[in-house]
Protein backbone atom coordinates (compact mmCIF):
# COMPACT_ATOMS: atom_id res chain seq x y z
CA UNK A 1 114.36 114.84 91.58
CA UNK A 2 111.71 115.38 94.20
CA UNK A 3 109.00 112.85 94.88
CA UNK A 4 105.54 113.61 96.49
CA UNK A 5 104.26 111.60 99.53
CA UNK A 6 100.64 112.38 100.68
CA UNK A 7 99.51 110.91 104.10
CA UNK A 8 96.63 109.01 102.04
CA UNK A 9 99.38 106.81 100.57
CA UNK A 10 100.33 105.32 104.03
CA UNK A 11 96.86 105.50 105.62
CA UNK A 12 95.58 102.03 106.69
CA UNK A 13 91.73 103.38 106.77
CA UNK A 14 91.93 104.00 102.96
CA UNK A 15 91.37 101.68 100.07
CA UNK A 16 93.51 101.43 97.12
CA UNK A 17 90.99 103.08 95.14
CA UNK A 18 91.11 106.00 97.83
CA UNK A 19 94.80 106.33 97.27
CA UNK A 20 96.71 103.84 99.68
CA UNK A 21 99.91 102.71 98.02
CA UNK A 22 101.35 100.16 100.36
CA UNK A 23 99.97 96.92 101.83
CA UNK A 24 97.24 97.55 104.43
CA UNK A 25 99.11 95.36 107.04
CA UNK A 26 102.24 97.79 106.71
CA UNK A 27 100.13 101.02 106.51
CA UNK A 28 99.69 103.45 109.43
CA UNK A 29 96.52 104.57 111.01
CA UNK A 30 96.02 108.27 109.85
CA UNK A 31 99.43 109.53 109.30
CA UNK A 32 100.09 113.42 109.06
CA UNK A 33 102.24 115.11 106.59
CA UNK A 34 104.31 116.51 109.74
CA UNK A 35 104.95 113.00 110.93
CA UNK A 36 106.21 111.92 107.45
CA UNK A 37 108.33 114.90 107.43
CA UNK A 38 109.87 114.32 110.71
CA UNK A 39 110.45 110.59 109.90
CA UNK A 40 112.28 111.29 106.50
CA UNK A 41 114.18 114.50 107.92
CA UNK A 42 115.47 112.19 110.68
CA UNK A 43 117.02 109.61 108.26
CA UNK A 44 118.85 112.26 106.32
CA UNK A 45 116.61 113.20 103.35
CA UNK A 46 116.30 116.65 101.97
CA UNK A 47 112.54 117.33 102.91
CA UNK A 48 110.17 120.01 102.04
CA UNK A 49 106.61 120.13 103.76
CA UNK A 50 103.69 121.82 101.81
CA UNK A 51 101.06 122.31 104.47
CA UNK A 52 98.13 123.68 102.12
CA UNK A 53 98.41 121.18 99.62
CA UNK A 54 95.91 118.45 99.37
CA UNK A 55 95.52 115.01 97.88
CA UNK A 56 93.08 115.14 95.01
CA UNK A 57 91.18 112.18 95.82
CA UNK A 58 90.75 113.20 99.38
CA UNK A 59 87.06 114.37 100.00
CA UNK A 60 87.51 115.29 103.63
CA UNK A 61 89.05 118.84 103.81
CA UNK A 62 89.92 118.79 107.46
CA UNK A 63 93.44 120.13 108.52
CA UNK A 64 94.45 116.73 109.44
CA UNK A 65 94.20 115.30 105.90
CA UNK A 66 96.12 118.22 104.53
CA UNK A 67 99.78 118.43 103.45
CA UNK A 68 102.24 116.99 101.05
CA UNK A 69 105.84 116.02 101.87
CA UNK A 70 108.42 116.44 98.90
CA UNK A 71 111.58 114.32 99.43
CA UNK A 72 114.69 114.40 97.10
CA UNK A 73 115.02 110.82 96.28
CA UNK A 74 117.82 111.29 93.66
CA UNK A 75 120.52 113.66 92.84
CA UNK A 76 121.01 115.57 89.58
CA UNK A 77 122.82 112.58 88.05
CA UNK A 78 120.26 110.17 88.92
CA UNK A 79 121.85 108.39 91.72
CA UNK A 80 119.83 107.79 94.80
CA UNK A 81 120.58 110.46 97.77
CA UNK A 82 120.56 107.56 100.12
CA UNK A 83 121.56 104.13 98.90
CA UNK A 84 119.30 102.26 101.30
CA UNK A 85 116.28 104.04 99.72
CA UNK A 86 116.51 103.46 95.82
CA UNK A 87 112.79 103.76 95.10
CA UNK A 88 109.73 105.97 96.30
CA UNK A 89 108.11 102.72 97.48
CA UNK A 90 110.98 101.83 99.81
CA UNK A 91 110.76 105.53 101.25
CA UNK A 92 107.04 104.97 101.84
CA UNK A 93 107.40 101.60 103.44
CA UNK A 94 110.12 103.00 105.79
CA UNK A 95 107.89 106.06 106.78
CA UNK A 96 105.03 103.69 107.59
CA UNK A 97 107.17 101.44 109.73
CA UNK A 98 108.80 104.22 111.64
CA UNK A 99 105.72 106.67 112.40
CA UNK A 100 104.25 104.34 115.10
CA UNK A 101 107.41 104.41 117.03
CA UNK A 102 107.44 108.49 117.10
CA UNK A 103 107.19 109.84 120.57
CA UNK A 104 104.05 111.70 119.77
CA UNK A 105 102.42 108.46 118.79
CA UNK A 106 103.42 106.57 121.81
CA UNK A 107 102.34 109.29 124.26
CA UNK A 108 98.88 109.67 122.42
CA UNK A 109 98.29 106.06 122.66
CA UNK A 110 98.92 105.94 126.45
CA UNK A 111 96.77 108.89 126.97
CA UNK A 112 93.80 107.60 124.78
CA UNK A 113 93.76 104.24 126.64
CA UNK A 114 93.27 106.12 130.15
CA UNK A 115 90.45 108.38 128.69
CA UNK A 116 88.60 105.31 127.19
CA UNK A 117 88.80 103.45 130.67
CA UNK A 118 87.28 106.57 132.35
CA UNK A 119 84.52 106.78 129.77
CA UNK A 120 83.67 103.12 130.41
CA UNK A 121 83.44 103.69 134.07
CA UNK A 122 80.85 106.73 133.93
CA UNK A 123 78.67 104.54 131.55
CA UNK A 124 78.30 101.56 134.22
CA UNK A 125 76.48 103.72 136.52
CA UNK A 126 73.91 104.91 134.08
CA UNK A 127 71.08 102.63 133.47
CA UNK A 128 67.31 102.40 133.22
CA UNK A 129 65.47 102.90 136.42
CA UNK A 130 63.29 100.13 137.38
CA UNK A 131 59.45 100.86 138.04
């Protein structure tokens, strides 16, 4: 009773034709399989990460887009493992909601803002010379 979740299912950069399975306003920007694994393991799911698997519709072969997370959604008798997540869609929505709150995401955002500001400062001095 394991379900597969690929990062493309939660990616707001993808269209539905490219594999997104949740509404774009709830999706996350470029989630990774390890982030999905961390979120699902923290809530108490039985999680298995398969690093070398790829989503078939994914044309980009970069490491960032690789990976598949297998989650035990139901027990052998058909009852959900966690009652608050009865369907695969509920798990995907929860993961998409929680990934932006991860420490790795919040630290990356702080660092990227500073680097952008420094880059803009460097561009101001560069201009065409007047003749």
